[in-house]
Amino acid sequence: MTAFHPALIQLGVHHRPEGLSDRVAYGFVKLLRFCADTFFAKRYGHRAVVLETVAAVPGMVGATLNHLKCLRRMEDDKGWIKTLMDEAENERMHLMTFIEVAKPTLFERFVVVAAQWVFYLFFFALYLVSSKTAHRVVGYFEEEAVISYTHYLAEIDEGRSPNVPAPAIAKAYWDLPDDATLRDVVLVVRADEAHHRDVNHGFANELAGLPTGEVAPCPPHAELQPNWRKAA
């Protein structure tokens, strides 16, 4: 069995929009991309702080609403709830990691709070109206995340962003070696996003009655314990 390597994920995966629902989802994500590019330019660490806050919302919303639906219908969730909860936790760990890297300003922390509330309310309403569209939004959002982290890697490799030592939180969560650097962190984060990309496109396809497709492997993560920060 071949060992997992975060650099070997498929970067160019793209679900071509088909139908109004997909086009709305794709257009919305491209609008978010334009706003991020305009506001953050090439400050990828700061961009990650804000965007990972937004990215951590859908998993929790989807898990909550699927949990309530299964309770009402008294039916099995087919593994969706745990998958979505794991996604939410994973994205939260991305945020905690890049807070250590970027050291956000007070203004950026305010943007995080505002973006979280606005996106939470929007996504909650969208999921109630069309869970397929909601998962497609996340799929496209993660496609853009893979692109952004690929650009971040190029910035590091070409010397425009410093390849600082990996934060302790990242080394503990991804079980990285003691000499791991920011480049190693970005590689595993990008692999996480590729996994979420395929999972959410698969969920959207399943809801539409389409084949779910292949899912990129997810990097191994440590089981977080109550005292995990001290252990790091």
C-alpha atoms as a PDB file:
ATOM      1  CA  MET A   1       0.000   0.000   0.000  1.00  0.00           C
ATOM      2  CA  THR A   2       1.434   3.387  -1.034  1.00  0.00           C
ATOM      3  CA  ALA A   3       1.986   5.846   1.832  1.00  0.00           C
ATOM      4  CA  PHE A   4      -0.004   9.050   1.720  1.00  0.00           C
ATOM      5  CA  HIS A   5       1.889  12.080   0.454  1.00  0.00           C
ATOM      6  CA  PRO A   6       0.158  15.489   0.474  1.00  0.00           C
ATOM      7  CA  ALA A   7       2.007  16.669  -2.646  1.00  0.00           C
ATOM      8  CA  LEU A   8       0.444  13.936  -4.802  1.00  0.00           C
ATOM      9  CA  ILE A   9      -3.208  15.033  -4.626  1.00  0.00           C
ATOM     10  CA  GLN A  10      -5.050  15.968  -7.821  1.00  0.00           C
ATOM     11  CA  LEU A  11      -5.016  19.757  -8.035  1.00  0.00           C
ATOM     12  CA  GLY A  12      -7.051  20.352 -11.194  1.00  0.00           C
ATOM     13  CA  VAL A  13     -10.305  18.677 -10.166  1.00  0.00           C
ATOM     14  CA  HIS A  14     -13.254  20.852 -11.197  1.00  0.00           C
ATOM     15  CA  HIS A  15     -16.954  20.081 -11.336  1.00  0.00           C
ATOM     16  CA  ARG A  16     -18.330  21.768 -14.430  1.00  0.00           C
ATOM     17  CA  PRO A  17     -21.525  23.644 -13.503  1.00  0.00           C
ATOM     18  CA  GLU A  18     -24.626  21.962 -14.882  1.00  0.00           C
ATOM     19  CA  GLY A  19     -28.024  23.523 -14.356  1.00  0.00           C
ATOM     20  CA  LEU A  20     -29.123  26.639 -12.506  1.00  0.00           C
ATOM     21  CA  SER A  21     -28.224  25.362  -9.039  1.00  0.00           C
ATOM     22  CA  ASP A  22     -24.596  24.688  -9.980  1.00  0.00           C
ATOM     23  CA  ARG A  23     -24.260  27.991 -11.812  1.00  0.00           C
ATOM     24  CA  VAL A  24     -25.577  29.949  -8.837  1.00  0.00           C
ATOM     25  CA  ALA A  25     -23.175  28.121  -6.524  1.00  0.00           C
ATOM     26  CA  TYR A  26     -20.218  28.666  -8.860  1.00  0.00           C
ATOM     27  CA  GLY A  27     -21.009  32.341  -9.414  1.00  0.00           C
ATOM     28  CA  PHE A  28     -21.331  32.960  -5.679  1.00  0.00           C
ATOM     29  CA  VAL A  29     -17.968  31.347  -4.954  1.00  0.00           C
ATOM     30  CA  LYS A  30     -16.282  33.305  -7.739  1.00  0.00           C
ATOM     31  CA  LEU A  31     -17.682  36.492  -6.176  1.00  0.00           C
ATOM     32  CA  LEU A  32     -16.155  35.484  -2.837  1.00  0.00           C
ATOM     33  CA  ARG A  33     -12.873  34.794  -4.622  1.00  0.00           C
ATOM     34  CA  PHE A  34     -12.901  38.268  -6.189  1.00  0.00           C
ATOM     35  CA  CYS A  35     -13.516  39.866  -2.783  1.00  0.00           C
ATOM     36  CA  ALA A  36     -10.683  37.862  -1.191  1.00  0.00           C
ATOM     37  CA  ASP A  37      -8.261  38.731  -4.003  1.00  0.00           C
ATOM     38  CA  THR A  38      -9.187  42.407  -3.754  1.00  0.00           C
ATOM     39  CA  PHE A  39      -8.937  42.634   0.029  1.00  0.00           C
ATOM     40  CA  PHE A  40      -5.927  40.402   0.749  1.00  0.00           C
ATOM     41  CA  ALA A  41      -3.967  40.344  -2.547  1.00  0.00           C
ATOM     42  CA  LYS A  42      -0.990  38.030  -1.861  1.00  0.00           C
ATOM     43  CA  ARG A  43      -1.158  38.114   1.944  1.00  0.00           C
ATOM     44  CA  TYR A  44      -2.029  34.436   1.992  1.00  0.00           C
ATOM     45  CA  GLY A  45      -1.555  33.925   5.722  1.00  0.00           C
ATOM     46  CA  HIS A  46      -4.040  36.676   6.555  1.00  0.00           C
ATOM     47  CA  ARG A  47      -6.388  35.491   3.812  1.00  0.00           C
ATOM     48  CA  ALA A  48      -6.326  32.006   5.360  1.00  0.00           C
ATOM     49  CA  VAL A  49      -7.335  33.338   8.792  1.00  0.00           C
ATOM     50  CA  VAL A  50     -10.530  34.900   7.458  1.00  0.00           C
ATOM     51  CA  LEU A  51     -11.404  32.257   4.870  1.00  0.00           C
ATOM     52  CA  GLU A  52     -10.850  29.334   7.233  1.00  0.00           C
ATOM     53  CA  THR A  53     -13.329  30.951   9.618  1.00  0.00           C
ATOM     54  CA  VAL A  54     -15.897  30.890   6.820  1.00  0.00           C
ATOM     55  CA  ALA A  55     -14.857  27.393   5.710  1.00  0.00           C
ATOM     56  CA  ALA A  56     -15.502  26.001   9.201  1.00  0.00           C
ATOM     57  CA  VAL A  57     -19.181  27.005   9.084  1.00  0.00           C
ATOM     58  CA  PRO A  58     -20.714  24.651   6.451  1.00  0.00           C
ATOM     59  CA  GLY A  59     -19.693  21.409   8.146  1.00  0.00           C
ATOM     60  CA  MET A  60     -21.314  22.406  11.427  1.00  0.00           C
ATOM     61  CA  VAL A  61     -24.468  23.692   9.710  1.00  0.00           C
ATOM     62  CA  GLY A  62     -24.794  20.587   7.563  1.00  0.00           C
ATOM     63  CA  ALA A  63     -24.176  18.260  10.519  1.00  0.00           C
ATOM     64  CA  THR A  64     -26.755  20.064  12.672  1.00  0.00           C
ATOM     65  CA  LEU A  65     -29.501  20.089  10.053  1.00  0.00           C
ATOM     66  CA  ASN A  66     -28.864  16.485   9.014  1.00  0.00           C
ATOM     67  CA  HIS A  67     -28.909  15.437  12.671  1.00  0.00           C
ATOM     68  CA  LEU A  68     -32.283  17.105  13.208  1.00  0.00           C
ATOM     69  CA  LYS A  69     -33.663  15.663   9.965  1.00  0.00           C
ATOM     70  CA  CYS A  70     -32.641  12.144  10.978  1.00  0.00           C
ATOM     71  CA  LEU A  71     -34.266  12.595  14.382  1.00  0.00           C
ATOM     72  CA  ARG A  72     -37.513  13.763  12.789  1.00  0.00           C
ATOM     73  CA  ARG A  73     -37.573  10.969  10.232  1.00  0.00           C
ATOM     74  CA  MET A  74     -36.103   8.373  12.615  1.00  0.00           C
ATOM     75  CA  GLU A  75     -33.647   7.247   9.956  1.00  0.00           C
ATOM     76  CA  ASP A  76     -29.913   6.585   9.573  1.00  0.00           C
ATOM     77  CA  ASP A  77     -27.656   9.438   8.433  1.00  0.00           C
ATOM     78  CA  LYS A  78     -25.437   7.229   6.173  1.00  0.00           C
ATOM     79  CA  GLY A  79     -22.343   8.632   7.854  1.00  0.00           C
ATOM     80  CA  TRP A  80     -22.967  12.231   6.767  1.00  0.00           C
ATOM     81  CA  ILE A  81     -23.084  13.753  10.261  1.00  0.00           C
ATOM     82  CA  LYS A  82     -19.671  12.530  11.431  1.00  0.00           C
ATOM     83  CA  THR A  83     -18.125  13.400   8.079  1.00  0.00           C
ATOM     84  CA  LEU A  84     -19.432  16.957   8.302  1.00  0.00           C
ATOM     85  CA  MET A  85     -18.450  17.338  11.965  1.00  0.00           C
ATOM     86  CA  ASP A  86     -14.936  16.136  11.134  1.00  0.00           C
ATOM     87  CA  GLU A  87     -14.813  18.696   8.323  1.00  0.00           C
ATOM     88  CA  ALA A  88     -15.821  21.500  10.696  1.00  0.00           C
ATOM     89  CA  GLU A  89     -13.172  20.506  13.245  1.00  0.00           C
ATOM     90  CA  ASN A  90     -10.531  20.195  10.552  1.00  0.00           C
ATOM     91  CA  GLU A  91     -11.257  23.660   9.179  1.00  0.00           C
ATOM     92  CA  ARG A  92     -11.162  25.064  12.722  1.00  0.00           C
ATOM     93  CA  MET A  93      -7.700  23.586  13.159  1.00  0.00           C
ATOM     94  CA  HIS A  94      -6.645  25.288   9.919  1.00  0.00           C
ATOM     95  CA  LEU A  95      -7.785  28.570  11.465  1.00  0.00           C
ATOM     96  CA  MET A  96      -5.954  27.961  14.744  1.00  0.00           C
ATOM     97  CA  THR A  97      -2.792  27.138  12.801  1.00  0.00           C
ATOM     98  CA  PHE A  98      -2.820  30.243  10.616  1.00  0.00           C
ATOM     99  CA  ILE A  99      -3.587  32.503  13.562  1.00  0.00           C
ATOM    100  CA  GLU A 100      -0.158  31.466  14.844  1.00  0.00           C
ATOM    101  CA  VAL A 101       1.412  32.199  11.451  1.00  0.00           C
ATOM    102  CA  ALA A 102      -0.294  35.453  10.469  1.00  0.00           C
ATOM    103  CA  LYS A 103      -0.942  37.107  13.866  1.00  0.00           C
ATOM    104  CA  PRO A 104      -4.148  38.870  12.712  1.00  0.00           C
ATOM    105  CA  THR A 105      -4.706  42.498  13.596  1.00  0.00           C
ATOM    106  CA  LEU A 106      -7.708  43.728  15.595  1.00  0.00           C
ATOM    107  CA  PHE A 107      -9.368  44.822  12.352  1.00  0.00           C
ATOM    108  CA  GLU A 108      -8.877  41.397  10.805  1.00  0.00           C
ATOM    109  CA  ARG A 109     -10.322  39.789  13.933  1.00  0.00           C
ATOM    110  CA  PHE A 110     -13.377  42.027  13.521  1.00  0.00           C
ATOM    111  CA  VAL A 111     -13.656  40.918   9.877  1.00  0.00           C
ATOM    112  CA  VAL A 112     -13.514  37.292  11.079  1.00  0.00           C
ATOM    113  CA  VAL A 113     -16.432  37.824  13.473  1.00  0.00           C
ATOM    114  CA  ALA A 114     -18.505  39.704  10.897  1.00  0.00           C
ATOM    115  CA  ALA A 115     -17.796  37.208   8.110  1.00  0.00           C
ATOM    116  CA  GLN A 116     -18.664  34.281  10.356  1.00  0.00           C
ATOM    117  CA  TRP A 117     -22.081  35.625  11.363  1.00  0.00           C
ATOM    118  CA  VAL A 118     -23.044  36.758   7.876  1.00  0.00           C
ATOM    119  CA  PHE A 119     -21.962  33.508   6.250  1.00  0.00           C
ATOM    120  CA  TYR A 120     -23.510  31.337   8.968  1.00  0.00           C
ATOM    121  CA  LEU A 121     -26.938  32.913   8.518  1.00  0.00           C
ATOM    122  CA  PHE A 122     -26.653  32.772   4.732  1.00  0.00           C
ATOM    123  CA  PHE A 123     -25.495  29.164   4.622  1.00  0.00           C
ATOM    124  CA  PHE A 124     -28.078  27.993   7.169  1.00  0.00           C
ATOM    125  CA  ALA A 125     -30.860  29.470   5.028  1.00  0.00           C
ATOM    126  CA  LEU A 126     -29.335  28.061   1.830  1.00  0.00           C
ATOM    127  CA  TYR A 127     -29.091  24.561   3.315  1.00  0.00           C
ATOM    128  CA  LEU A 128     -32.750  24.673   4.321  1.00  0.00           C
ATOM    129  CA  VAL A 129     -33.759  25.745   0.797  1.00  0.00           C
ATOM    130  CA  SER A 130     -31.402  23.494  -1.183  1.00  0.00           C
ATOM    131  CA  SER A 131     -28.857  21.247   0.522  1.00  0.00           C
ATOM    132  CA  LYS A 132     -27.554  20.206  -2.915  1.00  0.00           C
ATOM    133  CA  THR A 133     -26.704  23.806  -3.795  1.00  0.00           C
ATOM    134  CA  ALA A 134     -25.155  24.292  -0.358  1.00  0.00           C
ATOM    135  CA  HIS A 135     -22.814  21.329  -0.784  1.00  0.00           C
ATOM    136  CA  ARG A 136     -21.957  22.488  -4.297  1.00  0.00           C
ATOM    137  CA  VAL A 137     -21.020  25.894  -2.884  1.00  0.00           C
ATOM    138  CA  VAL A 138     -18.631  24.160  -0.482  1.00  0.00           C
ATOM    139  CA  GLY A 139     -17.223  22.012  -3.282  1.00  0.00           C
ATOM    140  CA  TYR A 140     -16.432  25.089  -5.366  1.00  0.00           C
ATOM    141  CA  PHE A 141     -15.172  26.947  -2.304  1.00  0.00           C
ATOM    142  CA  GLU A 142     -12.708  24.130  -1.659  1.00  0.00           C
ATOM    143  CA  GLU A 143     -11.633  24.126  -5.312  1.00  0.00           C
ATOM    144  CA  GLU A 144     -10.644  27.754  -4.821  1.00  0.00           C
ATOM    145  CA  ALA A 145      -8.921  26.895  -1.536  1.00  0.00           C
ATOM    146  CA  VAL A 146      -6.741  24.320  -3.323  1.00  0.00           C
ATOM    147  CA  ILE A 147      -5.803  26.994  -5.873  1.00  0.00           C
ATOM    148  CA  SER A 148      -5.032  29.556  -3.151  1.00  0.00           C
ATOM    149  CA  TYR A 149      -2.806  27.185  -1.186  1.00  0.00           C
ATOM    150  CA  THR A 150      -1.009  26.199  -4.397  1.00  0.00           C
ATOM    151  CA  HIS A 151      -0.274  29.903  -4.947  1.00  0.00           C
ATOM    152  CA  TYR A 152       0.847  30.161  -1.309  1.00  0.00           C
ATOM    153  CA  LEU A 153       3.302  27.308  -1.879  1.00  0.00           C
ATOM    154  CA  ALA A 154       4.694  29.126  -4.919  1.00  0.00           C
ATOM    155  CA  GLU A 155       5.161  32.274  -2.812  1.00  0.00           C
ATOM    156  CA  ILE A 156       7.114  30.244  -0.252  1.00  0.00           C
ATOM    157  CA  ASP A 157       9.183  28.338  -2.821  1.00  0.00           C
ATOM    158  CA  GLU A 158      10.105  31.536  -4.668  1.00  0.00           C
ATOM    159  CA  GLY A 159      11.114  33.334  -1.474  1.00  0.00           C
ATOM    160  CA  ARG A 160       8.356  35.937  -1.391  1.00  0.00           C
ATOM    161  CA  SER A 161       6.866  34.476   1.792  1.00  0.00           C
ATOM    162  CA  PRO A 162       9.140  33.311   4.624  1.00  0.00           C
ATOM    163  CA  ASN A 163       9.194  29.570   5.235  1.00  0.00           C
ATOM    164  CA  VAL A 164       8.970  29.896   9.007  1.00  0.00           C
ATOM    165  CA  PRO A 165       8.964  26.925  11.399  1.00  0.00           C
ATOM    166  CA  ALA A 166       5.611  25.150  11.644  1.00  0.00           C
ATOM    167  CA  PRO A 167       3.538  26.162  14.697  1.00  0.00           C
ATOM    168  CA  ALA A 168       3.442  23.613  17.514  1.00  0.00           C
ATOM    169  CA  ILE A 169      -0.322  23.225  17.056  1.00  0.00           C
ATOM    170  CA  ALA A 170       0.195  22.089  13.453  1.00  0.00           C
ATOM    171  CA  LYS A 171       2.958  19.644  14.347  1.00  0.00           C
ATOM    172  CA  ALA A 172       0.738  18.085  17.017  1.00  0.00           C
ATOM    173  CA  TYR A 173      -2.394  17.895  14.852  1.00  0.00           C
ATOM    174  CA  TRP A 174      -0.803  16.547  11.647  1.00  0.00           C
ATOM    175  CA  ASP A 175       1.983  14.656  13.472  1.00  0.00           C
ATOM    176  CA  LEU A 176       4.630  16.603  11.589  1.00  0.00           C
ATOM    177  CA  PRO A 177       8.347  16.225  12.419  1.00  0.00           C
ATOM    178  CA  ASP A 178      10.036  18.631  14.813  1.00  0.00           C
ATOM    179  CA  ASP A 179      11.812  20.416  11.952  1.00  0.00           C
ATOM    180  CA  ALA A 180       8.608  20.926   9.915  1.00  0.00           C
ATOM    181  CA  THR A 181       8.130  24.303   8.255  1.00  0.00           C
ATOM    182  CA  LEU A 182       5.238  26.398   6.993  1.00  0.00           C
ATOM    183  CA  ARG A 183       5.610  24.709   3.602  1.00  0.00           C
ATOM    184  CA  ASP A 184       4.861  21.332   5.192  1.00  0.00           C
ATOM    185  CA  VAL A 185       1.795  22.839   6.857  1.00  0.00           C
ATOM    186  CA  VAL A 186       0.454  24.329   3.632  1.00  0.00           C
ATOM    187  CA  LEU A 187       0.883  20.979   1.883  1.00  0.00           C
ATOM    188  CA  VAL A 188      -1.260  19.087   4.414  1.00  0.00           C
ATOM    189  CA  VAL A 189      -3.828  21.892   4.594  1.00  0.00           C
ATOM    190  CA  ARG A 190      -4.150  21.853   0.800  1.00  0.00           C
ATOM    191  CA  ALA A 191      -4.637  18.076   0.913  1.00  0.00           C
ATOM    192  CA  ASP A 192      -7.375  18.536   3.528  1.00  0.00           C
ATOM    193  CA  GLU A 193      -9.122  21.020   1.257  1.00  0.00           C
ATOM    194  CA  ALA A 194      -8.913  18.651  -1.710  1.00  0.00           C
ATOM    195  CA  HIS A 195     -10.566  15.978   0.435  1.00  0.00           C
ATOM    196  CA  HIS A 196     -13.376  18.363   1.467  1.00  0.00           C
ATOM    197  CA  ARG A 197     -13.767  19.430  -2.171  1.00  0.00           C
ATOM    198  CA  ASP A 198     -14.430  15.889  -3.339  1.00  0.00           C
ATOM    199  CA  VAL A 199     -16.610  14.975  -0.359  1.00  0.00           C
ATOM    200  CA  ASN A 200     -18.931  17.944  -0.844  1.00  0.00           C
ATOM    201  CA  HIS A 201     -19.174  17.567  -4.616  1.00  0.00           C
ATOM    202  CA  GLY A 202     -19.963  13.920  -3.895  1.00  0.00           C
ATOM    203  CA  PHE A 203     -22.725  14.879  -1.460  1.00  0.00           C
ATOM    204  CA  ALA A 204     -24.190  17.292  -4.025  1.00  0.00           C
ATOM    205  CA  ASN A 205     -24.038  14.593  -6.711  1.00  0.00           C
ATOM    206  CA  GLU A 206     -25.708  12.065  -4.410  1.00  0.00           C
ATOM    207  CA  LEU A 207     -28.552  14.481  -3.707  1.00  0.00           C
ATOM    208  CA  ALA A 208     -28.908  15.002  -7.469  1.00  0.00           C
ATOM    209  CA  GLY A 209     -28.905  11.261  -8.170  1.00  0.00           C
ATOM    210  CA  LEU A 210     -25.485  11.357  -9.864  1.00  0.00           C
ATOM    211  CA  PRO A 211     -22.353   9.224  -9.309  1.00  0.00           C
ATOM    212  CA  THR A 212     -20.431  10.537  -6.319  1.00  0.00           C
ATOM    213  CA  GLY A 213     -16.963  10.172  -7.868  1.00  0.00           C
ATOM    214  CA  GLU A 214     -13.571   9.580  -6.264  1.00  0.00           C
ATOM    215  CA  VAL A 215     -12.488  11.308  -3.055  1.00  0.00           C
ATOM    216  CA  ALA A 216      -8.936  12.533  -2.477  1.00  0.00           C
ATOM    217  CA  PRO A 217      -7.304  10.905   0.576  1.00  0.00           C
ATOM    218  CA  CYS A 218      -7.230  12.910   3.770  1.00  0.00           C
ATOM    219  CA  PRO A 219      -3.953  13.452   5.672  1.00  0.00           C
ATOM    220  CA  PRO A 220      -3.831  11.631   9.026  1.00  0.00           C
ATOM    221  CA  HIS A 221      -4.849  13.789  11.976  1.00  0.00           C
ATOM    222  CA  ALA A 222      -4.192  13.359  15.669  1.00  0.00           C
ATOM    223  CA  GLU A 223      -7.117  12.708  17.977  1.00  0.00           C
ATOM    224  CA  LEU A 224      -7.436  15.929  19.951  1.00  0.00           C
ATOM    225  CA  GLN A 225      -7.530  15.459  23.718  1.00  0.00           C
ATOM    226  CA  PRO A 226      -8.569  18.068  26.315  1.00  0.00           C
ATOM    227  CA  ASN A 227      -4.890  18.777  27.097  1.00  0.00           C
ATOM    228  CA  TRP A 228      -3.675  18.580  23.474  1.00  0.00           C
ATOM    229  CA  ARG A 229      -2.344  22.161  23.534  1.00  0.00           C
ATOM    230  CA  LYS A 230      -0.078  21.411  26.485  1.00  0.00           C
ATOM    231  CA  ALA A 231       1.185  18.299  24.712  1.00  0.00           C
ATOM    232  CA  ALA A 232       2.077  20.422  21.684  1.00  0.00           C
END
